[in-house]
Amino acid sequence: MSKLFTPSSSLAALMLPGSVLAQAAPAASTGGTKVGIINMQTAIVATNEGQRDFEALAKKFEPKRTELKGLSDDLDSMKKQLDTQGSKLNDDARADLVKKIEAKQKTLTRASEDAQSDLQAQQNEIAARSSRR
């Protein structure tokens, strides 16, 4: 089954690629200076504005998540039908069902990838906007 983004996986998707945990770097050998690295994504989400923006984004994507869940359920139903009735179907009917399953899988995969890409772009936009404040 393809990956679907859900509220719990959307939370994981809120993390920007390459973000690092807040930590102090070792002292530089030349000046003895310590450098701190801040996890900007965590800092943004921790603010009231950041939380509000990310919650609004999650609500905005709820219809898409519901649509993807419906596609996934349809696909699962078709696969179950093939498993239970596959041996009883004639070759043409079986081939037709397999073809429909493959088409539904492609549709689901593309829709999931498009939704994830759109979500990531909007999350990055929120993060960039928040970091300028």
N, C-alpha and C. Protein backbone atom coordinates (compact mmCIF):
# COMPACT_ATOMS: atom_id res chain seq x y z
N MET A 1 0.84 -1.18 0.00
CA MET A 1 0.00 0.00 0.00
C MET A 1 0.88 1.24 0.00
N SER A 2 0.48 2.27 -0.70
CA SER A 2 1.31 3.47 -0.77
C SER A 2 1.17 4.28 0.51
N LYS A 3 2.12 5.18 0.70
CA LYS A 3 2.11 6.01 1.89
C LYS A 3 1.02 7.06 1.77
N LEU A 4 0.30 7.26 2.84
CA LEU A 4 -0.67 8.33 2.94
C LEU A 4 -0.19 9.25 4.05
N PHE A 5 -0.46 10.51 3.89
CA PHE A 5 -0.11 11.36 4.99
C PHE A 5 -1.34 11.53 5.85
N THR A 6 -1.16 11.41 7.13
CA THR A 6 -2.22 11.51 8.11
C THR A 6 -1.82 12.60 9.09
N PRO A 7 -2.73 12.97 9.98
CA PRO A 7 -2.33 14.01 10.93
C PRO A 7 -1.05 13.65 11.67
N SER A 8 -0.87 12.38 12.04
CA SER A 8 0.36 12.02 12.75
C SER A 8 1.56 12.07 11.82
N SER A 9 1.39 11.60 10.56
CA SER A 9 2.54 11.66 9.65
C SER A 9 2.76 13.08 9.16
N SER A 10 1.70 13.89 9.17
CA SER A 10 1.87 15.29 8.79
C SER A 10 2.73 16.01 9.82
N LEU A 11 2.59 15.61 11.08
CA LEU A 11 3.42 16.22 12.11
C LEU A 11 4.87 15.89 11.86
N ALA A 12 5.14 14.65 11.48
CA ALA A 12 6.50 14.26 11.15
C ALA A 12 6.98 15.01 9.92
N ALA A 13 6.07 15.26 8.98
CA ALA A 13 6.43 15.97 7.76
C ALA A 13 6.72 17.44 8.03
N LEU A 14 6.33 17.93 9.21
CA LEU A 14 6.58 19.33 9.54
C LEU A 14 8.06 19.62 9.74
N MET A 15 8.84 18.59 9.96
CA MET A 15 10.26 18.79 10.18
C MET A 15 10.93 19.11 8.84
N LEU A 16 11.66 20.17 8.81
CA LEU A 16 12.36 20.55 7.59
C LEU A 16 13.55 19.62 7.36
N PRO A 17 13.82 19.30 6.09
CA PRO A 17 14.99 18.46 5.83
C PRO A 17 16.26 19.15 6.31
N GLY A 18 17.14 18.38 6.88
CA GLY A 18 18.42 18.92 7.29
C GLY A 18 18.39 19.68 8.61
N SER A 19 17.24 19.69 9.29
CA SER A 19 17.24 20.40 10.57
C SER A 19 18.05 19.60 11.57
N VAL A 20 18.61 20.30 12.51
CA VAL A 20 19.48 19.64 13.49
C VAL A 20 18.97 19.94 14.89
N LEU A 21 19.32 19.08 15.81
CA LEU A 21 18.94 19.31 17.19
C LEU A 21 19.75 20.46 17.76
N ALA A 22 19.14 21.20 18.67
CA ALA A 22 19.86 22.30 19.30
C ALA A 22 20.98 21.72 20.14
N GLN A 23 22.15 22.17 19.90
CA GLN A 23 23.31 21.68 20.64
C GLN A 23 24.43 22.70 20.55
N ALA A 24 25.34 22.61 21.48
CA ALA A 24 26.52 23.47 21.45
C ALA A 24 27.62 22.72 20.72
N ALA A 25 28.27 23.40 19.81
CA ALA A 25 29.40 22.79 19.09
C ALA A 25 30.62 22.84 20.00
N PRO A 26 31.58 21.95 19.78
CA PRO A 26 32.80 22.01 20.61
C PRO A 26 33.52 23.34 20.41
N ALA A 27 34.26 23.72 21.40
CA ALA A 27 34.98 24.99 21.34
C ALA A 27 35.96 24.98 20.19
N ALA A 28 36.03 26.09 19.46
CA ALA A 28 36.98 26.20 18.35
C ALA A 28 38.38 26.28 18.94
N SER A 29 39.32 25.65 18.28
CA SER A 29 40.67 25.58 18.84
C SER A 29 41.39 26.92 18.82
N THR A 30 41.02 27.82 17.93
CA THR A 30 41.75 29.08 17.83
C THR A 30 41.25 30.13 18.81
N GLY A 31 39.95 30.19 19.06
CA GLY A 31 39.48 31.27 19.91
C GLY A 31 38.75 30.80 21.14
N GLY A 32 38.50 29.52 21.28
CA GLY A 32 37.77 29.04 22.43
C GLY A 32 36.31 29.45 22.43
N THR A 33 35.77 29.81 21.27
CA THR A 33 34.39 30.26 21.16
C THR A 33 33.46 29.07 20.99
N LYS A 34 32.31 29.13 21.60
CA LYS A 34 31.31 28.09 21.44
C LYS A 34 30.24 28.59 20.49
N VAL A 35 29.78 27.68 19.64
CA VAL A 35 28.77 28.02 18.66
C VAL A 35 27.52 27.20 18.97
N GLY A 36 26.38 27.84 19.03
CA GLY A 36 25.12 27.14 19.25
C GLY A 36 24.36 27.01 17.95
N ILE A 37 23.74 25.86 17.77
CA ILE A 37 22.92 25.63 16.58
C ILE A 37 21.49 25.51 17.03
N ILE A 38 20.61 26.27 16.40
CA ILE A 38 19.21 26.30 16.78
C ILE A 38 18.40 25.53 15.75
N ASN A 39 17.52 24.67 16.22
CA ASN A 39 16.60 23.97 15.35
C ASN A 39 15.46 24.95 15.04
N MET A 40 15.56 25.61 13.89
CA MET A 40 14.59 26.64 13.54
C MET A 40 13.18 26.09 13.43
N GLN A 41 13.03 24.87 12.90
CA GLN A 41 11.70 24.30 12.74
C GLN A 41 11.03 24.15 14.10
N THR A 42 11.76 23.64 15.06
CA THR A 42 11.20 23.47 16.40
C THR A 42 10.88 24.83 17.01
N ALA A 43 11.76 25.78 16.81
CA ALA A 43 11.54 27.12 17.35
C ALA A 43 10.31 27.77 16.74
N ILE A 44 10.10 27.58 15.44
CA ILE A 44 8.93 28.17 14.77
C ILE A 44 7.65 27.52 15.25
N VAL A 45 7.65 26.19 15.31
CA VAL A 45 6.45 25.48 15.74
C VAL A 45 6.12 25.79 17.19
N ALA A 46 7.12 26.10 18.00
CA ALA A 46 6.90 26.39 19.41
C ALA A 46 6.23 27.75 19.63
N THR A 47 6.28 28.63 18.65
CA THR A 47 5.64 29.93 18.81
C THR A 47 4.14 29.80 18.59
N ASN A 48 3.39 30.72 19.16
CA ASN A 48 1.93 30.72 18.97
C ASN A 48 1.57 30.90 17.51
N GLU A 49 2.26 31.82 16.83
CA GLU A 49 1.99 32.06 15.41
C GLU A 49 2.33 30.83 14.58
N GLY A 50 3.45 30.21 14.87
CA GLY A 50 3.86 29.01 14.14
C GLY A 50 2.86 27.88 14.33
N GLN A 51 2.43 27.67 15.56
CA GLN A 51 1.44 26.63 15.84
C GLN A 51 0.15 26.91 15.09
N ARG A 52 -0.28 28.17 15.12
CA ARG A 52 -1.52 28.55 14.44
C ARG A 52 -1.41 28.30 12.94
N ASP A 53 -0.29 28.70 12.35
CA ASP A 53 -0.10 28.54 10.91
C ASP A 53 -0.06 27.06 10.50
N PHE A 54 0.64 26.24 11.29
CA PHE A 54 0.74 24.82 10.95
C PHE A 54 -0.60 24.10 11.19
N GLU A 55 -1.34 24.52 12.22
CA GLU A 55 -2.66 23.93 12.44
C GLU A 55 -3.62 24.31 11.31
N ALA A 56 -3.55 25.54 10.85
CA ALA A 56 -4.38 25.97 9.72
C ALA A 56 -4.02 25.17 8.46
N LEU A 57 -2.75 24.93 8.28
CA LEU A 57 -2.31 24.14 7.12
C LEU A 57 -2.83 22.70 7.22
N ALA A 58 -2.79 22.13 8.41
CA ALA A 58 -3.31 20.77 8.59
C ALA A 58 -4.81 20.71 8.28
N LYS A 59 -5.56 21.73 8.71
CA LYS A 59 -7.00 21.78 8.40
C LYS A 59 -7.23 21.95 6.91
N LYS A 60 -6.39 22.73 6.27
CA LYS A 60 -6.50 22.96 4.83
C LYS A 60 -6.32 21.65 4.06
N PHE A 61 -5.42 20.78 4.54
CA PHE A 61 -5.13 19.53 3.86
C PHE A 61 -6.03 18.38 4.28
N GLU A 62 -6.92 18.60 5.22
CA GLU A 62 -7.82 17.53 5.67
C GLU A 62 -8.68 16.97 4.53
N PRO A 63 -9.28 17.80 3.66
CA PRO A 63 -10.05 17.22 2.54
C PRO A 63 -9.20 16.35 1.62
N LYS A 64 -7.96 16.74 1.39
CA LYS A 64 -7.08 15.95 0.54
C LYS A 64 -6.76 14.63 1.22
N ARG A 65 -6.52 14.66 2.53
CA ARG A 65 -6.25 13.44 3.27
C ARG A 65 -7.45 12.50 3.20
N THR A 66 -8.64 13.05 3.31
CA THR A 66 -9.87 12.25 3.22
C THR A 66 -10.00 11.64 1.82
N GLU A 67 -9.70 12.42 0.81
CA GLU A 67 -9.74 11.92 -0.57
C GLU A 67 -8.75 10.77 -0.77
N LEU A 68 -7.55 10.94 -0.28
CA LEU A 68 -6.53 9.90 -0.40
C LEU A 68 -6.93 8.64 0.38
N LYS A 69 -7.54 8.82 1.53
CA LYS A 69 -8.02 7.68 2.32
C LYS A 69 -9.09 6.93 1.54
N GLY A 70 -9.99 7.65 0.87
CA GLY A 70 -11.02 7.01 0.05
C GLY A 70 -10.42 6.22 -1.10
N LEU A 71 -9.44 6.80 -1.77
CA LEU A 71 -8.76 6.09 -2.86
C LEU A 71 -8.07 4.83 -2.34
N SER A 72 -7.45 4.94 -1.19
CA SER A 72 -6.77 3.80 -0.60
C SER A 72 -7.76 2.70 -0.23
N ASP A 73 -8.87 3.10 0.35
CA ASP A 73 -9.91 2.13 0.71
C ASP A 73 -10.46 1.43 -0.52
N ASP A 74 -10.71 2.19 -1.59
CA ASP A 74 -11.18 1.60 -2.85
C ASP A 74 -10.17 0.59 -3.38
N LEU A 75 -8.91 0.97 -3.35
CA LEU A 75 -7.86 0.08 -3.83
C LEU A 75 -7.80 -1.20 -3.00
N ASP A 76 -7.87 -1.06 -1.68
CA ASP A 76 -7.87 -2.23 -0.80
C ASP A 76 -9.05 -3.15 -1.10
N SER A 77 -10.21 -2.55 -1.33
CA SER A 77 -11.40 -3.33 -1.65
C SER A 77 -11.23 -4.10 -2.96
N MET A 78 -10.66 -3.44 -3.95
CA MET A 78 -10.42 -4.10 -5.24
C MET A 78 -9.42 -5.24 -5.10
N LYS A 79 -8.38 -5.04 -4.30
CA LYS A 79 -7.39 -6.09 -4.07
C LYS A 79 -8.01 -7.28 -3.34
N LYS A 80 -8.85 -6.98 -2.37
CA LYS A 80 -9.53 -8.03 -1.62
C LYS A 80 -10.45 -8.82 -2.56
N GLN A 81 -11.14 -8.11 -3.44
CA GLN A 81 -12.00 -8.76 -4.42
C GLN A 81 -11.18 -9.69 -5.32
N LEU A 82 -10.03 -9.23 -5.76
CA LEU A 82 -9.16 -10.06 -6.59
C LEU A 82 -8.70 -11.30 -5.82
N ASP A 83 -8.34 -11.13 -4.55
CA ASP A 83 -7.90 -12.25 -3.74
C ASP A 83 -9.00 -13.29 -3.54
N THR A 84 -10.20 -12.83 -3.27
CA THR A 84 -11.29 -13.77 -2.98
C THR A 84 -11.93 -14.34 -4.22
N GLN A 85 -12.04 -13.55 -5.29
CA GLN A 85 -12.75 -14.01 -6.49
C GLN A 85 -11.83 -14.29 -7.67
N GLY A 86 -10.55 -14.02 -7.52
CA GLY A 86 -9.62 -14.13 -8.63
C GLY A 86 -9.64 -15.48 -9.32
N SER A 87 -9.67 -16.54 -8.55
CA SER A 87 -9.66 -17.88 -9.15
C SER A 87 -10.99 -18.23 -9.81
N LYS A 88 -12.06 -17.56 -9.44
CA LYS A 88 -13.39 -17.83 -9.99
C LYS A 88 -13.68 -17.00 -11.24
N LEU A 89 -12.89 -15.93 -11.47
CA LEU A 89 -13.13 -15.05 -12.61
C LEU A 89 -12.52 -15.65 -13.87
N ASN A 90 -13.18 -15.35 -15.01
CA ASN A 90 -12.57 -15.79 -16.26
C ASN A 90 -11.36 -14.91 -16.55
N ASP A 91 -10.56 -15.29 -17.50
CA ASP A 91 -9.31 -14.58 -17.78
C ASP A 91 -9.52 -13.11 -18.11
N ASP A 92 -10.55 -12.81 -18.90
CA ASP A 92 -10.81 -11.42 -19.29
C ASP A 92 -11.23 -10.57 -18.08
N ALA A 93 -12.11 -11.11 -17.25
CA ALA A 93 -12.58 -10.37 -16.08
C ALA A 93 -11.43 -10.17 -15.08
N ARG A 94 -10.62 -11.20 -14.92
CA ARG A 94 -9.47 -11.10 -14.02
C ARG A 94 -8.48 -10.05 -14.53
N ALA A 95 -8.17 -10.09 -15.81
CA ALA A 95 -7.25 -9.12 -16.41
C ALA A 95 -7.80 -7.70 -16.28
N ASP A 96 -9.11 -7.56 -16.45
CA ASP A 96 -9.75 -6.24 -16.34
C ASP A 96 -9.62 -5.71 -14.91
N LEU A 97 -9.85 -6.58 -13.93
CA LEU A 97 -9.74 -6.16 -12.54
C LEU A 97 -8.30 -5.80 -12.19
N VAL A 98 -7.35 -6.58 -12.65
CA VAL A 98 -5.94 -6.28 -12.41
C VAL A 98 -5.58 -4.92 -13.03
N LYS A 99 -6.07 -4.68 -14.22
CA LYS A 99 -5.81 -3.40 -14.90
C LYS A 99 -6.40 -2.23 -14.12
N LYS A 100 -7.60 -2.42 -13.58
CA LYS A 100 -8.24 -1.37 -12.78
C LYS A 100 -7.46 -1.12 -11.49
N ILE A 101 -6.97 -2.19 -10.89
CA ILE A 101 -6.18 -2.06 -9.66
C ILE A 101 -4.90 -1.28 -9.94
N GLU A 102 -4.23 -1.60 -11.02
CA GLU A 102 -2.99 -0.90 -11.37
C GLU A 102 -3.25 0.57 -11.65
N ALA A 103 -4.35 0.87 -12.34
CA ALA A 103 -4.69 2.27 -12.64
C ALA A 103 -5.00 3.03 -11.35
N LYS A 104 -5.74 2.39 -10.44
CA LYS A 104 -6.10 3.02 -9.16
C LYS A 104 -4.83 3.25 -8.33
N GLN A 105 -3.91 2.29 -8.37
CA GLN A 105 -2.65 2.43 -7.63
C GLN A 105 -1.85 3.62 -8.16
N LYS A 106 -1.78 3.75 -9.48
CA LYS A 106 -1.06 4.89 -10.07
C LYS A 106 -1.71 6.21 -9.67
N THR A 107 -3.03 6.25 -9.71
CA THR A 107 -3.76 7.46 -9.33
C THR A 107 -3.46 7.82 -7.88
N LEU A 108 -3.52 6.82 -7.01
CA LEU A 108 -3.25 7.05 -5.59
C LEU A 108 -1.82 7.51 -5.36
N THR A 109 -0.89 6.87 -6.01
CA THR A 109 0.53 7.23 -5.85
C THR A 109 0.77 8.66 -6.31
N ARG A 110 0.27 9.00 -7.47
CA ARG A 110 0.47 10.36 -7.98
C ARG A 110 -0.19 11.40 -7.09
N ALA A 111 -1.43 11.13 -6.67
CA ALA A 111 -2.14 12.07 -5.81
C ALA A 111 -1.42 12.24 -4.48
N SER A 112 -0.91 11.15 -3.92
CA SER A 112 -0.17 11.22 -2.66
C SER A 112 1.11 12.03 -2.81
N GLU A 113 1.85 11.78 -3.90
CA GLU A 113 3.09 12.51 -4.14
C GLU A 113 2.81 14.00 -4.36
N ASP A 114 1.78 14.31 -5.12
CA ASP A 114 1.42 15.71 -5.36
C ASP A 114 1.03 16.40 -4.06
N ALA A 115 0.22 15.72 -3.25
CA ALA A 115 -0.21 16.31 -1.98
C ALA A 115 0.98 16.51 -1.05
N GLN A 116 1.87 15.54 -0.98
CA GLN A 116 3.03 15.66 -0.11
C GLN A 116 3.93 16.80 -0.57
N SER A 117 4.10 16.93 -1.87
CA SER A 117 4.93 18.01 -2.41
C SER A 117 4.32 19.37 -2.09
N ASP A 118 3.02 19.48 -2.28
CA ASP A 118 2.32 20.74 -2.00
C ASP A 118 2.39 21.06 -0.50
N LEU A 119 2.18 20.06 0.33
CA LEU A 119 2.26 20.26 1.77
C LEU A 119 3.65 20.73 2.17
N GLN A 120 4.67 20.06 1.66
CA GLN A 120 6.05 20.44 1.99
C GLN A 120 6.36 21.87 1.56
N ALA A 121 5.92 22.24 0.36
CA ALA A 121 6.16 23.60 -0.13
C ALA A 121 5.49 24.63 0.78
N GLN A 122 4.27 24.34 1.21
CA GLN A 122 3.57 25.29 2.07
C GLN A 122 4.17 25.33 3.47
N GLN A 123 4.65 24.18 3.96
CA GLN A 123 5.34 24.17 5.25
C GLN A 123 6.62 25.01 5.18
N ASN A 124 7.36 24.85 4.10
CA ASN A 124 8.59 25.64 3.93
C ASN A 124 8.27 27.13 3.85
N GLU A 125 7.17 27.46 3.20
CA GLU A 125 6.76 28.87 3.09
C GLU A 125 6.43 29.43 4.48
N ILE A 126 5.71 28.65 5.27
CA ILE A 126 5.38 29.09 6.63
C ILE A 126 6.66 29.26 7.45
N ALA A 127 7.55 28.30 7.35
CA ALA A 127 8.81 28.38 8.10
C ALA A 127 9.61 29.61 7.69
N ALA A 128 9.70 29.87 6.39
CA ALA A 128 10.45 31.03 5.90
C ALA A 128 9.81 32.32 6.37
N ARG A 129 8.49 32.39 6.28
CA ARG A 129 7.77 33.59 6.70
C ARG A 129 7.95 33.81 8.21
N SER A 130 7.88 32.74 8.97
CA SER A 130 8.02 32.84 10.43
C SER A 130 9.43 33.24 10.84
N SER A 131 10.42 32.77 10.09
CA SER A 131 11.79 33.10 10.45
C SER A 131 12.13 34.56 10.16
N ARG A 132 11.36 35.21 9.31
CA ARG A 132 11.58 36.62 8.99
C ARG A 132 10.93 37.53 10.03
N ARG A 133 10.05 36.99 10.84
CA ARG A 133 9.33 37.84 11.81
C ARG A 133 10.21 38.27 12.92
